Amino acid sequence: MRIQIPASTSNIGPGFDTLGLALNRYLFLSASPKDGRGKSPLITVTGNGTEHIATDEKNLVYRGMLALAEAVDASTNAFKELHLRLENGIPSCGGVGGSGAAIAGGIFLANELLKTRLTAEEMLRVAVELEGHPDNVSAALMGGLTINCFDDRELHCRSVKITAPIAVVTCSPNFQVLTQQARQILPREISLKDAVANIENVASLVAALIAGDIEALRYVTGDRLHERYRAGLIPGYEDVRKAALGAGALSFNISGSGPTVFCFATEKLDAIGAAMEKAFAAHGKMAKYEIMTIENEGARIVG
């Protein structure tokens, strides 16, 4: 069995912990019986991030599998006899949903192996218990633009297919921003004015993406909840932003909690990416840009 799980960006500016957007870079998982016995599965990793992706019981794919089994009160003994192969095509610098894809992929894989037949939304609830927030894992499981909300403690998610001809140009500098650090830096309270601004923008952003109103992307991705604080964790942030917009980008935002940044664009894609790389380099940070598209399908079996 071979499973494909997409990368993702989240927040998209004003949609903090609410919006996810699947992208066309992938984690591939396969599972087969391993040679020999043991107390843990054999886990091998190829592709991006081989230097820091765990190959023991701390591996996020395996933790996702265990979380699904626990949620349905199933035995995990069969998992210990598996050889799990991870082929990672998702950039590993952080901010494009690598951990979310791993968790979602493990849950999806376990759902297939255990034949538990959970729906995507049921699997998402398991994923959020492990990940802590729904934006990246929802995009990984469902694809497209995912819009998440809680009714008290009950999570609801809608996935919308986006057909507008827009590209997502990411730029990943070669350093890490810890998600915990990126959360701790945020204020506990915000002004009513800032809250209203974010409500306006996130509603307009969702409407623009659904309607294919590309020009609206120039003004609907502004944020007042998290980006102004997290920008300080990314050296050269303001210069990179100016470089991207000056080269023709429609927007500029932090991807997830960073350090990857991204732009929506329809033209001059390589010029935008190169401008961001150059601006990071001026601040002593090597970076790599990639041109991606929106992936409207989530986790699925491909072999």
Protein backbone atom coordinates (compact mmCIF):
# COMPACT_ATOMS: atom_id res chain seq x y z
CA MET A 1 0.00 0.00 0.00
CA ARG A 2 1.31 3.46 -0.95
CA ILE A 3 -0.27 6.67 0.33
CA GLN A 4 0.24 10.24 -0.87
CA ILE A 5 -0.25 13.17 1.52
CA PRO A 6 0.10 16.81 0.43
CA ALA A 7 2.10 19.62 1.98
CA SER A 8 0.20 22.69 3.12
CA THR A 9 0.40 26.28 4.16
CA SER A 10 -1.73 27.54 7.00
CA ASN A 11 -3.13 30.75 8.46
CA ILE A 12 -2.79 32.48 5.04
CA GLY A 13 -2.47 35.72 6.95
CA PRO A 14 -5.69 36.41 8.87
CA GLY A 15 -6.90 32.80 9.18
CA PHE A 16 -4.84 32.01 12.28
CA ASP A 17 -5.31 28.36 13.36
CA THR A 18 -8.37 28.26 11.06
CA LEU A 19 -7.38 28.08 7.38
CA GLY A 20 -5.27 25.47 5.64
CA LEU A 21 -4.34 25.19 1.97
CA ALA A 22 -2.97 21.98 0.46
CA LEU A 23 0.01 22.25 -1.89
CA ASN A 24 1.51 19.98 -4.54
CA ARG A 25 4.48 18.65 -2.63
CA TYR A 26 4.01 15.25 -1.07
CA LEU A 27 4.92 12.77 1.60
CA PHE A 28 4.59 9.20 0.34
CA LEU A 29 4.08 6.36 2.82
CA SER A 30 4.19 2.65 2.23
CA ALA A 31 3.84 -0.26 4.61
CA SER A 32 4.90 -3.86 4.17
CA PRO A 33 5.89 -6.74 6.47
CA LYS A 34 9.40 -6.31 7.82
CA ASP A 35 12.06 -9.00 7.99
CA GLY A 36 12.38 -10.34 11.50
CA ARG A 37 10.51 -9.48 14.65
CA GLY A 38 10.85 -6.76 17.24
CA LYS A 39 9.05 -4.39 19.55
CA SER A 40 8.89 -1.54 17.03
CA PRO A 41 8.34 -1.12 13.31
CA LEU A 42 11.28 -0.60 10.96
CA ILE A 43 11.13 2.99 9.71
CA THR A 44 13.22 4.24 6.80
CA VAL A 45 13.25 7.78 5.41
CA THR A 46 14.36 9.11 2.03
CA GLY A 47 14.12 12.57 0.52
CA ASN A 48 13.95 15.81 2.48
CA GLY A 49 14.70 15.96 6.19
CA THR A 50 16.47 12.63 6.59
CA GLU A 51 18.81 14.25 9.09
CA HIS A 52 16.08 15.08 11.62
CA ILE A 53 13.03 12.87 10.94
CA ALA A 54 12.88 10.27 13.72
CA THR A 55 13.11 6.60 12.77
CA ASP A 56 12.00 5.27 16.16
CA GLU A 57 8.75 5.45 18.12
CA LYS A 58 8.96 9.26 18.13
CA ASN A 59 8.30 9.29 14.38
CA LEU A 60 5.17 11.36 13.71
CA VAL A 61 3.77 8.89 11.20
CA TYR A 62 3.98 6.12 13.76
CA ARG A 63 2.57 8.35 16.48
CA GLY A 64 -0.37 9.11 14.19
CA MET A 65 -0.93 5.39 13.70
CA LEU A 66 -0.91 4.79 17.45
CA ALA A 67 -3.30 7.70 18.03
CA LEU A 68 -5.83 6.25 15.58
CA ALA A 69 -5.58 2.80 17.16
CA GLU A 70 -6.09 4.28 20.63
CA ALA A 71 -9.09 6.29 19.44
CA VAL A 72 -10.86 3.17 18.18
CA ASP A 73 -9.56 0.91 20.97
CA ALA A 74 -7.68 -1.36 18.57
CA SER A 75 -4.55 -3.41 19.11
CA THR A 76 -1.28 -2.03 17.77
CA ASN A 77 0.58 -5.34 17.71
CA ALA A 78 0.40 -5.61 13.92
CA PHE A 79 2.10 -2.22 13.56
CA LYS A 80 5.26 -3.58 15.19
CA GLU A 81 5.72 -6.06 12.34
CA LEU A 82 5.73 -3.39 9.62
CA HIS A 83 8.39 -1.75 7.53
CA LEU A 84 7.26 1.86 7.13
CA ARG A 85 8.88 3.72 4.24
CA LEU A 86 8.68 7.52 4.15
CA GLU A 87 9.56 9.26 0.90
CA ASN A 88 9.47 12.94 1.79
CA GLY A 89 9.12 15.53 -0.94
CA ILE A 90 7.96 18.27 1.43
CA PRO A 91 10.53 21.01 2.18
CA SER A 92 11.89 20.38 5.65
CA CYS A 93 12.78 23.91 6.81
CA GLY A 94 9.39 24.33 8.46
CA GLY A 95 6.17 26.10 7.63
CA VAL A 96 4.78 23.96 4.81
CA GLY A 97 3.01 21.29 6.78
CA GLY A 98 5.60 18.54 7.03
CA SER A 99 4.58 17.49 10.54
CA GLY A 100 0.89 17.80 9.69
CA ALA A 101 1.33 15.56 6.65
CA ALA A 102 3.17 12.97 8.75
CA ILE A 103 0.48 12.89 11.44
CA ALA A 104 -2.36 12.85 8.92
CA GLY A 105 -0.60 10.18 6.87
CA GLY A 106 -0.10 7.93 9.87
CA ILE A 107 -3.75 8.23 10.85
CA PHE A 108 -4.91 7.61 7.27
CA LEU A 109 -2.60 4.59 6.97
CA ALA A 110 -3.78 3.09 10.26
CA ASN A 111 -7.41 3.62 9.24
CA GLU A 112 -6.73 1.52 6.14
CA LEU A 113 -4.70 -1.16 7.90
CA LEU A 114 -7.21 -1.57 10.72
CA LYS A 115 -10.19 -1.25 8.34
CA THR A 116 -11.87 1.10 10.82
CA ARG A 117 -13.59 3.13 8.06
CA LEU A 118 -13.43 6.48 9.85
CA THR A 119 -14.49 9.47 7.78
CA ALA A 120 -12.03 12.25 6.97
CA GLU A 121 -13.61 14.46 9.63
CA GLU A 122 -13.39 11.69 12.23
CA MET A 123 -9.72 11.15 11.36
CA LEU A 124 -9.20 14.91 11.59
CA ARG A 125 -10.43 14.95 15.19
CA VAL A 126 -7.85 12.31 16.05
CA ALA A 127 -5.16 14.33 14.28
CA VAL A 128 -6.02 17.51 16.16
CA GLU A 129 -5.68 15.71 19.49
CA LEU A 130 -2.08 14.98 18.50
CA GLU A 131 -1.18 18.11 16.51
CA GLY A 132 -3.02 20.64 18.68
CA HIS A 133 -4.61 22.69 15.89
CA PRO A 134 -6.50 21.74 12.73
CA ASP A 135 -5.17 23.90 9.89
CA ASN A 136 -2.32 21.83 8.40
CA VAL A 137 -3.70 18.38 9.26
CA SER A 138 -7.08 19.26 7.73
CA ALA A 139 -5.44 20.34 4.48
CA ALA A 140 -3.33 17.17 4.45
CA LEU A 141 -6.36 14.92 4.97
CA MET A 142 -8.93 16.75 2.82
CA GLY A 143 -7.05 18.89 0.30
CA GLY A 144 -8.05 22.25 -1.13
CA LEU A 145 -8.81 25.18 1.15
CA THR A 146 -9.89 23.93 4.56
CA ILE A 147 -11.93 26.10 6.91
CA ASN A 148 -12.06 24.89 10.50
CA CYS A 149 -14.20 25.91 13.45
CA PHE A 150 -15.08 24.59 16.89
CA ASP A 151 -18.59 24.34 18.32
CA ASP A 152 -17.55 24.25 21.96
CA ARG A 153 -15.07 21.33 21.73
CA GLU A 154 -16.55 19.80 18.57
CA LEU A 155 -14.46 20.41 15.46
CA HIS A 156 -16.08 21.01 12.09
CA CYS A 157 -14.16 21.34 8.83
CA ARG A 158 -15.13 22.22 5.29
CA SER A 159 -12.87 21.60 2.31
CA VAL A 160 -13.36 23.85 -0.71
CA LYS A 161 -11.81 23.10 -4.09
CA ILE A 162 -9.95 26.12 -5.49
CA THR A 163 -9.81 26.40 -9.27
CA ALA A 164 -8.43 29.92 -9.67
CA PRO A 165 -5.20 29.96 -11.75
CA ILE A 166 -2.90 31.10 -8.96
CA ALA A 167 0.51 29.88 -7.90
CA VAL A 168 2.00 29.73 -4.43
CA VAL A 169 5.66 30.80 -4.36
CA THR A 170 7.33 29.70 -1.14
CA CYS A 171 10.76 30.68 0.12
CA SER A 172 12.34 28.65 2.90
CA PRO A 173 15.39 30.07 4.69
CA ASN A 174 17.87 27.59 6.07
CA PHE A 175 17.06 27.87 9.76
CA GLN A 176 14.34 26.64 12.09
CA VAL A 177 11.63 28.48 14.01
CA LEU A 178 10.25 26.31 16.79
CA THR A 179 6.45 26.23 16.78
CA GLN A 180 6.42 26.54 20.56
CA GLN A 181 8.57 29.68 20.38
CA ALA A 182 6.35 31.12 17.65
CA ARG A 183 3.31 30.61 19.87
CA GLN A 184 4.84 31.93 23.06
CA ILE A 185 5.69 35.23 21.41
CA LEU A 186 2.02 35.99 20.68
CA PRO A 187 0.02 38.35 22.96
CA ARG A 188 -2.75 36.92 25.09
CA GLU A 189 -5.10 39.80 24.30
CA ILE A 190 -5.70 41.97 21.25
CA SER A 191 -7.70 45.12 20.60
CA LEU A 192 -11.24 45.08 19.26
CA LYS A 193 -9.99 47.04 16.25
CA ASP A 194 -7.46 44.34 15.39
CA ALA A 195 -10.03 41.58 15.87
CA VAL A 196 -12.46 43.28 13.52
CA ALA A 197 -9.74 43.79 10.91
CA ASN A 198 -8.95 40.08 10.94
CA ILE A 199 -12.62 39.10 10.71
CA GLU A 200 -13.00 41.38 7.69
CA ASN A 201 -9.92 40.00 5.99
CA VAL A 202 -10.47 36.29 6.62
CA ALA A 203 -14.07 36.47 5.37
CA SER A 204 -12.96 38.39 2.29
CA LEU A 205 -10.02 36.02 1.70
CA VAL A 206 -12.21 32.92 1.72
CA ALA A 207 -14.71 34.60 -0.60
CA ALA A 208 -11.95 35.72 -2.97
CA LEU A 209 -10.39 32.25 -3.21
CA ILE A 210 -13.73 30.57 -3.82
CA ALA A 211 -14.81 33.15 -6.40
CA GLY A 212 -11.43 33.27 -8.12
CA ASP A 213 -11.14 37.01 -7.44
CA ILE A 214 -7.39 37.12 -7.93
CA GLU A 215 -6.99 40.88 -7.64
CA ALA A 216 -8.57 40.81 -4.17
CA LEU A 217 -5.57 38.80 -2.96
CA ARG A 218 -3.65 42.09 -2.95
CA TYR A 219 -5.56 43.32 0.09
CA VAL A 220 -7.31 40.41 1.89
CA THR A 221 -4.31 38.62 3.44
CA GLY A 222 -3.42 41.27 6.01
CA ASP A 223 -3.14 40.03 9.60
CA ARG A 224 -3.03 41.65 13.04
CA LEU A 225 -2.99 38.58 15.28
CA HIS A 226 0.33 36.85 14.74
CA GLU A 227 2.48 37.94 11.79
CA ARG A 228 3.72 41.25 13.21
CA TYR A 229 5.06 39.34 16.22
CA ARG A 230 6.47 36.34 14.37
CA ALA A 231 8.17 38.57 11.81
CA GLY A 232 10.83 39.29 14.45
CA LEU A 233 11.83 35.62 14.39
CA ILE A 234 12.64 35.81 10.66
CA PRO A 235 15.76 37.90 9.88
CA GLY A 236 15.17 40.24 6.95
CA TYR A 237 11.41 39.71 6.98
CA GLU A 238 10.47 43.25 5.94
CA ASP A 239 13.06 43.37 3.16
CA VAL A 240 11.92 39.98 1.86
CA ARG A 241 8.32 41.20 1.87
CA LYS A 242 9.20 44.35 -0.06
CA ALA A 243 11.28 42.34 -2.54
CA ALA A 244 8.45 39.89 -3.23
CA LEU A 245 5.80 42.53 -3.72
CA GLY A 246 8.17 44.64 -5.80
CA ALA A 247 8.81 41.68 -8.09
CA GLY A 248 5.11 41.18 -8.78
CA ALA A 249 3.62 39.11 -5.94
CA LEU A 250 -0.04 39.63 -5.10
CA SER A 251 0.50 39.02 -1.39
CA PHE A 252 3.11 38.08 1.18
CA ASN A 253 2.64 36.04 4.35
CA ILE A 254 4.37 33.76 6.81
CA SER A 255 3.59 30.12 6.07
CA GLY A 256 2.33 28.54 9.27
CA SER A 257 4.61 29.63 12.10
CA GLY A 258 7.57 30.07 9.72
CA PRO A 259 10.30 30.49 8.83
CA THR A 260 8.98 29.76 5.33
CA VAL A 261 7.19 32.68 3.70
CA PHE A 262 4.94 32.58 0.68
CA CYS A 263 3.21 34.67 -1.96
CA PHE A 264 0.19 34.27 -4.17
CA ALA A 265 1.08 35.16 -7.75
CA THR A 266 0.01 34.64 -11.35
CA GLU A 267 3.10 35.78 -13.24
CA LYS A 268 6.83 36.48 -12.82
CA LEU A 269 6.99 33.49 -10.51
CA ASP A 270 10.73 32.84 -10.81
CA ALA A 271 11.48 36.54 -10.45
CA ILE A 272 9.48 36.67 -7.21
CA GLY A 273 11.25 33.63 -5.83
CA ALA A 274 14.68 34.92 -6.80
CA ALA A 275 13.93 38.31 -5.23
CA MET A 276 13.05 36.65 -1.93
CA GLU A 277 16.20 34.51 -1.99
CA LYS A 278 18.32 37.60 -2.67
CA ALA A 279 16.72 39.53 0.18
CA PHE A 280 17.33 36.68 2.63
CA ALA A 281 20.94 36.42 1.42
CA ALA A 282 21.45 40.13 2.15
CA HIS A 283 20.70 39.25 5.78
CA GLY A 284 23.10 36.32 5.82
CA LYS A 285 20.47 33.61 5.35
CA MET A 286 20.54 31.11 2.51
CA ALA A 287 17.06 30.31 1.23
CA LYS A 288 15.37 28.29 -1.49
CA TYR A 289 12.21 29.17 -3.36
CA GLU A 290 9.72 26.75 -4.88
CA ILE A 291 6.76 27.34 -7.15
CA MET A 292 3.75 25.31 -6.07
CA THR A 293 0.10 24.95 -6.99
CA ILE A 294 -2.98 24.23 -4.90
CA GLU A 295 -3.68 20.53 -4.41
CA ASN A 296 -7.42 19.87 -4.28
CA GLU A 297 -7.13 16.25 -3.13
CA GLY A 298 -6.04 15.19 0.32
CA ALA A 299 -4.49 11.97 1.57
CA ARG A 300 -5.20 9.06 -0.75
CA ILE A 301 -4.02 5.64 -1.81
CA VAL A 302 -1.90 5.76 -4.97
CA GLY A 303 -0.60 2.21 -5.17
